[in-house]
Amino acid sequence: MRFARTYGSRLYPQNKDQAWQFTTGPELDTFGVPVPIEMKTFGLEEFNFNKKLMNLKLAYVPCYGTERTYPRLFVNELHLIYLDRRNPKGCYMHYATLYNVVSLRNEQIISLRPLLAPNLDEIYFIEEVQQYFGNDMGNFNEIIQTMLNSNVIASNQNNRSFLVNVKYEKLVILNKPICCQNNSQMASQWKRNMNYPSDCNKK
């Protein structure tokens, strides 16, 4: 089991169709599509809960996107976590789990591209995204097209890698994210051990 940190999206547990479609800004994100007007970024993990990607069982996980750690080994249980800075103790929140996760390889892109290309509008260009980007939508569109045409899975998260980087067998979205705390060193946002206290504020 491993814990992969994703970036500072705003979670909407009451509406799964809107989950992780909006970001909270550059202070919580170091990678993503830039939004110059609002000085924000939009990471690819925002789209992991889109029904099209869920049906394909494909996802983007940031720690799988760097050349230094590529390709990651098989993981039978990958907990997705984000840092909740509203909590005074800086708790991480475990919000979803991927099971039987395999790092995609560059040679698989040829077969994956035809699966993603027809669904770009329904995955990346939905109405909520257009509202978010506004005048920056053209820039976002260009970056997504560039990434679709990429021939590499990992490229140091610089928007030149392919749109997805892992395949999994099962995804479970927690109805209520579980608070947990870091109990180990971090390697490219991949944590090996986390504690699950009943209340992070007591620590």
Foldseek 3Di string as FASTA:
>chain_A
DKEFEDWAFDADLVDLQQGLQGGDADVGDDFAQAQVVVRGGRHLQSQCSQPLNVVVQFGAGQLCAAPVCPPPDWDQKYFYWYFDVVQVLGWIWGFKIFGGKGWDFLVCLVVCLVSCVVCCCSRPVDPVNCVVRPVCVVSVVVLLVQQSPASAQHDRRHSNHHSTTMGGDDMDGDSGIFTWAADDDADSRMGDDIGGDPDSNVD
